[in-house]
Amino acid sequence: SIDGLCMFDPEEARKLIAKFTKHLRG
């Protein structure tokens, strides 16, 4: 999903990476 978002919505991809990282850490 992150890879697909990077192609047409980099900002949303960045948000998803932040959410994914937060989930991993928590």
PDB file of all heavy atoms in Angstrom:
ATOM      1  N   SER A   1       0.831  -1.207   0.000  1.00  0.00           N
ATOM      2  CA  SER A   1       0.000   0.000   0.000  1.00  0.00           C
ATOM      3  C   SER A   1       0.858   1.247   0.000  1.00  0.00           C
ATOM      4  O   SER A   1       0.558   2.233  -0.710  1.00  0.00           O
ATOM      5  CB  SER A   1      -0.920  -0.001   1.224  1.00  0.00           C
ATOM      6  OG  SER A   1      -1.796  -1.105   1.204  1.00  0.00           O
ATOM      7  N   ILE A   2       1.921   1.232   0.781  1.00  0.00           N
ATOM      8  CA  ILE A   2       2.846   2.373   0.814  1.00  0.00           C
ATOM      9  C   ILE A   2       3.475   2.582  -0.551  1.00  0.00           C
ATOM     10  O   ILE A   2       3.586   3.718  -1.055  1.00  0.00           O
ATOM     11  CB  ILE A   2       3.931   2.159   1.886  1.00  0.00           C
ATOM     12  CG1 ILE A   2       3.293   2.173   3.286  1.00  0.00           C
ATOM     13  CG2 ILE A   2       5.014   3.229   1.792  1.00  0.00           C
ATOM     14  CD1 ILE A   2       4.248   1.761   4.393  1.00  0.00           C
ATOM     15  N   ASP A   3       3.882   1.462  -1.190  1.00  0.00           N
ATOM     16  CA  ASP A   3       4.495   1.544  -2.518  1.00  0.00           C
ATOM     17  C   ASP A   3       3.535   2.157  -3.528  1.00  0.00           C
ATOM     18  O   ASP A   3       3.918   2.999  -4.346  1.00  0.00           O
ATOM     19  CB  ASP A   3       4.923   0.145  -2.958  1.00  0.00           C
ATOM     20  CG  ASP A   3       5.570   0.143  -4.328  1.00  0.00           C
ATOM     21  OD1 ASP A   3       6.624   0.799  -4.477  1.00  0.00           O
ATOM     22  OD2 ASP A   3       5.033  -0.508  -5.243  1.00  0.00           O
ATOM     23  N   GLY A   4       2.244   1.713  -3.485  1.00  0.00           N
ATOM     24  CA  GLY A   4       1.265   2.259  -4.427  1.00  0.00           C
ATOM     25  C   GLY A   4       1.008   3.737  -4.203  1.00  0.00           C
ATOM     26  O   GLY A   4       0.873   4.513  -5.158  1.00  0.00           O
ATOM     27  N   LEU A   5       0.941   4.153  -2.918  1.00  0.00           N
ATOM     28  CA  LEU A   5       0.689   5.559  -2.611  1.00  0.00           C
ATOM     29  C   LEU A   5       1.848   6.456  -3.032  1.00  0.00           C
ATOM     30  O   LEU A   5       1.649   7.627  -3.370  1.00  0.00           O
ATOM     31  CB  LEU A   5       0.418   5.727  -1.113  1.00  0.00           C
ATOM     32  CG  LEU A   5      -0.930   5.208  -0.605  1.00  0.00           C
ATOM     33  CD1 LEU A   5      -0.978   5.249   0.914  1.00  0.00           C
ATOM     34  CD2 LEU A   5      -2.074   6.029  -1.189  1.00  0.00           C
ATOM     35  N   CYS A   6       3.064   5.897  -2.978  1.00  0.00           N
ATOM     36  CA  CYS A   6       4.239   6.703  -3.359  1.00  0.00           C
ATOM     37  C   CYS A   6       4.146   7.185  -4.813  1.00  0.00           C
ATOM     38  O   CYS A   6       4.719   8.219  -5.166  1.00  0.00           O
ATOM     39  CB  CYS A   6       5.515   5.889  -3.179  1.00  0.00           C
ATOM     40  SG  CYS A   6       5.991   5.669  -1.449  1.00  0.00           S
ATOM     41  N   MET A   7       3.408   6.416  -5.659  1.00  0.00           N
ATOM     42  CA  MET A   7       3.334   6.752  -7.082  1.00  0.00           C
ATOM     43  C   MET A   7       2.432   7.954  -7.344  1.00  0.00           C
ATOM     44  O   MET A   7       2.727   8.781  -8.207  1.00  0.00           O
ATOM     45  CB  MET A   7       2.823   5.540  -7.868  1.00  0.00           C
ATOM     46  CG  MET A   7       3.710   4.308  -7.735  1.00  0.00           C
ATOM     47  SD  MET A   7       5.343   4.548  -8.469  1.00  0.00           S
ATOM     48  CE  MET A   7       4.883   4.675 -10.193  1.00  0.00           C
ATOM     49  N   PHE A   8       1.308   8.058  -6.586  1.00  0.00           N
ATOM     50  CA  PHE A   8       0.348   9.129  -6.905  1.00  0.00           C
ATOM     51  C   PHE A   8      -0.008  10.015  -5.718  1.00  0.00           C
ATOM     52  O   PHE A   8      -0.645  11.055  -5.901  1.00  0.00           O
ATOM     53  CB  PHE A   8      -0.938   8.521  -7.494  1.00  0.00           C
ATOM     54  CG  PHE A   8      -1.670   7.596  -6.564  1.00  0.00           C
ATOM     55  CD1 PHE A   8      -2.612   8.080  -5.666  1.00  0.00           C
ATOM     56  CD2 PHE A   8      -1.420   6.231  -6.599  1.00  0.00           C
ATOM     57  CE1 PHE A   8      -3.284   7.216  -4.827  1.00  0.00           C
ATOM     58  CE2 PHE A   8      -2.103   5.369  -5.754  1.00  0.00           C
ATOM     59  CZ  PHE A   8      -3.042   5.849  -4.853  1.00  0.00           C
ATOM     60  N   ASP A   9       0.381   9.631  -4.488  1.00  0.00           N
ATOM     61  CA  ASP A   9       0.067  10.479  -3.323  1.00  0.00           C
ATOM     62  C   ASP A   9       1.169  10.329  -2.282  1.00  0.00           C
ATOM     63  O   ASP A   9       0.995   9.663  -1.256  1.00  0.00           O
ATOM     64  CB  ASP A   9      -1.285  10.081  -2.741  1.00  0.00           C
ATOM     65  CG  ASP A   9      -1.823  11.139  -1.763  1.00  0.00           C
ATOM     66  OD1 ASP A   9      -1.021  12.005  -1.334  1.00  0.00           O
ATOM     67  OD2 ASP A   9      -3.022  11.075  -1.414  1.00  0.00           O
ATOM     68  N   PRO A  10       2.359  10.896  -2.518  1.00  0.00           N
ATOM     69  CA  PRO A  10       3.493  10.754  -1.602  1.00  0.00           C
ATOM     70  C   PRO A  10       3.183  11.208  -0.177  1.00  0.00           C
ATOM     71  O   PRO A  10       3.671  10.621   0.788  1.00  0.00           O
ATOM     72  CB  PRO A  10       4.574  11.626  -2.242  1.00  0.00           C
ATOM     73  CG  PRO A  10       4.191  11.705  -3.678  1.00  0.00           C
ATOM     74  CD  PRO A  10       2.702  11.705  -3.711  1.00  0.00           C
ATOM     75  N   GLU A  11       2.341  12.247  -0.058  1.00  0.00           N
ATOM     76  CA  GLU A  11       2.033  12.751   1.282  1.00  0.00           C
ATOM     77  C   GLU A  11       1.240  11.719   2.094  1.00  0.00           C
ATOM     78  O   GLU A  11       1.489  11.500   3.278  1.00  0.00           O
ATOM     79  CB  GLU A  11       1.236  14.047   1.170  1.00  0.00           C
ATOM     80  CG  GLU A  11       0.841  14.674   2.507  1.00  0.00           C
ATOM     81  CD  GLU A  11       2.045  15.060   3.361  1.00  0.00           C
ATOM     82  OE1 GLU A  11       3.141  15.283   2.798  1.00  0.00           O
ATOM     83  OE2 GLU A  11       1.889  15.154   4.599  1.00  0.00           O
ATOM     84  N   GLU A  12       0.279  11.066   1.431  1.00  0.00           N
ATOM     85  CA  GLU A  12      -0.495  10.025   2.107  1.00  0.00           C
ATOM     86  C   GLU A  12       0.387   8.819   2.448  1.00  0.00           C
ATOM     87  O   GLU A  12       0.220   8.175   3.481  1.00  0.00           O
ATOM     88  CB  GLU A  12      -1.664   9.588   1.221  1.00  0.00           C
ATOM     89  CG  GLU A  12      -2.681   8.720   1.911  1.00  0.00           C
ATOM     90  CD  GLU A  12      -3.405   9.438   3.051  1.00  0.00           C
ATOM     91  OE1 GLU A  12      -3.532  10.675   2.998  1.00  0.00           O
ATOM     92  OE2 GLU A  12      -3.827   8.745   4.003  1.00  0.00           O
ATOM     93  N   ALA A  13       1.350   8.538   1.553  1.00  0.00           N
ATOM     94  CA  ALA A  13       2.300   7.455   1.812  1.00  0.00           C
ATOM     95  C   ALA A  13       3.133   7.766   3.049  1.00  0.00           C
ATOM     96  O   ALA A  13       3.398   6.882   3.890  1.00  0.00           O
ATOM     97  CB  ALA A  13       3.204   7.235   0.600  1.00  0.00           C
ATOM     98  N   ARG A  14       3.545   9.013   3.175  1.00  0.00           N
ATOM     99  CA  ARG A  14       4.328   9.415   4.346  1.00  0.00           C
ATOM    100  C   ARG A  14       3.511   9.243   5.618  1.00  0.00           C
ATOM    101  O   ARG A  14       4.013   8.759   6.641  1.00  0.00           O
ATOM    102  CB  ARG A  14       4.769  10.862   4.184  1.00  0.00           C
ATOM    103  CG  ARG A  14       5.730  11.349   5.284  1.00  0.00           C
ATOM    104  CD  ARG A  14       5.932  12.840   5.194  1.00  0.00           C
ATOM    105  NE  ARG A  14       4.714  13.559   5.501  1.00  0.00           N
ATOM    106  CZ  ARG A  14       4.269  13.787   6.738  1.00  0.00           C
ATOM    107  NH1 ARG A  14       4.936  13.316   7.784  1.00  0.00           N
ATOM    108  NH2 ARG A  14       3.150  14.464   6.927  1.00  0.00           N
ATOM    109  N   LYS A  15       2.221   9.600   5.577  1.00  0.00           N
ATOM    110  CA  LYS A  15       1.352   9.442   6.746  1.00  0.00           C
ATOM    111  C   LYS A  15       1.178   7.972   7.113  1.00  0.00           C
ATOM    112  O   LYS A  15       1.171   7.596   8.288  1.00  0.00           O
ATOM    113  CB  LYS A  15      -0.007  10.075   6.476  1.00  0.00           C
ATOM    114  CG  LYS A  15       0.021  11.593   6.354  1.00  0.00           C
ATOM    115  CD  LYS A  15      -1.374  12.131   6.081  1.00  0.00           C
ATOM    116  CE  LYS A  15      -1.357  13.659   5.939  1.00  0.00           C
ATOM    117  NZ  LYS A  15      -2.710  14.187   5.642  1.00  0.00           N
ATOM    118  N   LEU A  16       1.041   7.129   6.062  1.00  0.00           N
ATOM    119  CA  LEU A  16       0.868   5.707   6.325  1.00  0.00           C
ATOM    120  C   LEU A  16       2.127   5.106   6.949  1.00  0.00           C
ATOM    121  O   LEU A  16       2.045   4.257   7.850  1.00  0.00           O
ATOM    122  CB  LEU A  16       0.521   4.961   5.027  1.00  0.00           C
ATOM    123  CG  LEU A  16       0.276   3.452   5.159  1.00  0.00           C
ATOM    124  CD1 LEU A  16      -0.822   3.167   6.182  1.00  0.00           C
ATOM    125  CD2 LEU A  16      -0.082   2.849   3.814  1.00  0.00           C
ATOM    126  N   ILE A  17       3.287   5.555   6.497  1.00  0.00           N
ATOM    127  CA  ILE A  17       4.543   5.079   7.093  1.00  0.00           C
ATOM    128  C   ILE A  17       4.596   5.456   8.566  1.00  0.00           C
ATOM    129  O   ILE A  17       5.007   4.656   9.424  1.00  0.00           O
ATOM    130  CB  ILE A  17       5.755   5.654   6.335  1.00  0.00           C
ATOM    131  CG1 ILE A  17       5.845   5.041   4.938  1.00  0.00           C
ATOM    132  CG2 ILE A  17       7.048   5.384   7.107  1.00  0.00           C
ATOM    133  CD1 ILE A  17       6.907   5.675   4.067  1.00  0.00           C
ATOM    134  N   ALA A  18       4.162   6.670   8.896  1.00  0.00           N
ATOM    135  CA  ALA A  18       4.163   7.123  10.290  1.00  0.00           C
ATOM    136  C   ALA A  18       3.199   6.273  11.131  1.00  0.00           C
ATOM    137  O   ALA A  18       3.525   5.873  12.258  1.00  0.00           O
ATOM    138  CB  ALA A  18       3.771   8.599  10.354  1.00  0.00           C
ATOM    139  N   LYS A  19       2.024   5.970  10.564  1.00  0.00           N
ATOM    140  CA  LYS A  19       1.056   5.141  11.290  1.00  0.00           C
ATOM    141  C   LYS A  19       1.592   3.722  11.494  1.00  0.00           C
ATOM    142  O   LYS A  19       1.437   3.130  12.575  1.00  0.00           O
ATOM    143  CB  LYS A  19      -0.263   5.087  10.519  1.00  0.00           C
ATOM    144  CG  LYS A  19      -1.005   6.406  10.444  1.00  0.00           C
ATOM    145  CD  LYS A  19      -2.222   6.298   9.547  1.00  0.00           C
ATOM    146  CE  LYS A  19      -2.932   7.644   9.426  1.00  0.00           C
ATOM    147  NZ  LYS A  19      -4.098   7.578   8.504  1.00  0.00           N
ATOM    148  N   PHE A  20       2.216   3.185  10.436  1.00  0.00           N
ATOM    149  CA  PHE A  20       2.760   1.832  10.514  1.00  0.00           C
ATOM    150  C   PHE A  20       3.884   1.751  11.552  1.00  0.00           C
ATOM    151  O   PHE A  20       3.969   0.807  12.346  1.00  0.00           O
ATOM    152  CB  PHE A  20       3.272   1.418   9.131  1.00  0.00           C
ATOM    153  CG  PHE A  20       3.728  -0.004   9.050  1.00  0.00           C
ATOM    154  CD1 PHE A  20       2.933  -1.041   9.520  1.00  0.00           C
ATOM    155  CD2 PHE A  20       4.964  -0.315   8.508  1.00  0.00           C
ATOM    156  CE1 PHE A  20       3.351  -2.361   9.432  1.00  0.00           C
ATOM    157  CE2 PHE A  20       5.393  -1.630   8.424  1.00  0.00           C
ATOM    158  CZ  PHE A  20       4.584  -2.645   8.886  1.00  0.00           C
ATOM    159  N   THR A  21       4.733   2.764  11.555  1.00  0.00           N
ATOM    160  CA  THR A  21       5.828   2.809  12.528  1.00  0.00           C
ATOM    161  C   THR A  21       5.293   2.900  13.958  1.00  0.00           C
ATOM    162  O   THR A  21       5.781   2.224  14.873  1.00  0.00           O
ATOM    163  CB  THR A  21       6.746   4.007  12.243  1.00  0.00           C
ATOM    164  OG1 THR A  21       7.249   3.916  10.910  1.00  0.00           O
ATOM    165  CG2 THR A  21       7.910   4.052  13.222  1.00  0.00           C
ATOM    166  N   LYS A  22       4.263   3.731  14.138  1.00  0.00           N
ATOM    167  CA  LYS A  22       3.668   3.876  15.471  1.00  0.00           C
ATOM    168  C   LYS A  22       3.068   2.550  15.934  1.00  0.00           C
ATOM    169  O   LYS A  22       3.207   2.165  17.106  1.00  0.00           O
ATOM    170  CB  LYS A  22       2.585   4.962  15.422  1.00  0.00           C
ATOM    171  CG  LYS A  22       1.911   5.213  16.763  1.00  0.00           C
ATOM    172  CD  LYS A  22       0.864   6.302  16.646  1.00  0.00           C
ATOM    173  CE  LYS A  22       0.182   6.544  17.989  1.00  0.00           C
ATOM    174  NZ  LYS A  22      -0.869   7.597  17.893  1.00  0.00           N
ATOM    175  N   HIS A  23       2.435   1.851  15.002  1.00  0.00           N
ATOM    176  CA  HIS A  23       1.838   0.562  15.362  1.00  0.00           C
ATOM    177  C   HIS A  23       2.913  -0.460  15.728  1.00  0.00           C
ATOM    178  O   HIS A  23       2.781  -1.193  16.713  1.00  0.00           O
ATOM    179  CB  HIS A  23       1.005   0.044  14.203  1.00  0.00           C
ATOM    180  CG  HIS A  23       0.469  -1.339  14.425  1.00  0.00           C
ATOM    181  ND1 HIS A  23      -0.440  -1.625  15.412  1.00  0.00           N
ATOM    182  CD2 HIS A  23       0.748  -2.524  13.817  1.00  0.00           C
ATOM    183  CE1 HIS A  23      -0.718  -2.911  15.404  1.00  0.00           C
ATOM    184  NE2 HIS A  23      -0.006  -3.482  14.434  1.00  0.00           N
ATOM    185  N   LEU A  24       3.986  -0.500  14.970  1.00  0.00           N
ATOM    186  CA  LEU A  24       5.067  -1.418  15.276  1.00  0.00           C
ATOM    187  C   LEU A  24       5.650  -1.145  16.653  1.00  0.00           C
ATOM    188  O   LEU A  24       5.876  -2.042  17.454  1.00  0.00           O
ATOM    189  CB  LEU A  24       6.173  -1.314  14.213  1.00  0.00           C
ATOM    190  CG  LEU A  24       5.877  -1.891  12.838  1.00  0.00           C
ATOM    191  CD1 LEU A  24       7.062  -1.629  11.913  1.00  0.00           C
ATOM    192  CD2 LEU A  24       5.606  -3.375  12.926  1.00  0.00           C
ATOM    193  N   ARG A  25       5.903   0.121  16.907  1.00  0.00           N
ATOM    194  CA  ARG A  25       6.528   0.493  18.178  1.00  0.00           C
ATOM    195  C   ARG A  25       5.601   0.193  19.351  1.00  0.00           C
ATOM    196  O   ARG A  25       6.033  -0.308  20.393  1.00  0.00           O
ATOM    197  CB  ARG A  25       6.891   1.984  18.174  1.00  0.00           C
ATOM    198  CG  ARG A  25       7.619   2.436  19.439  1.00  0.00           C
ATOM    199  CD  ARG A  25       7.919   3.930  19.408  1.00  0.00           C
ATOM    200  NE  ARG A  25       8.792   4.293  18.301  1.00  0.00           N
ATOM    201  CZ  ARG A  25       8.422   5.007  17.249  1.00  0.00           C
ATOM    202  NH1 ARG A  25       7.159   5.442  17.151  1.00  0.00           N
ATOM    203  NH2 ARG A  25       9.267   5.297  16.297  1.00  0.00           N
ATOM    204  N   GLY A  26       4.341   0.466  19.218  1.00  0.00           N
ATOM    205  CA  GLY A  26       3.412   0.299  20.337  1.00  0.00           C
ATOM    206  C   GLY A  26       3.022  -1.136  20.603  1.00  0.00           C
ATOM    207  O   GLY A  26       2.858  -1.536  21.761  1.00  0.00           O
TER     208      GLY A  26
END
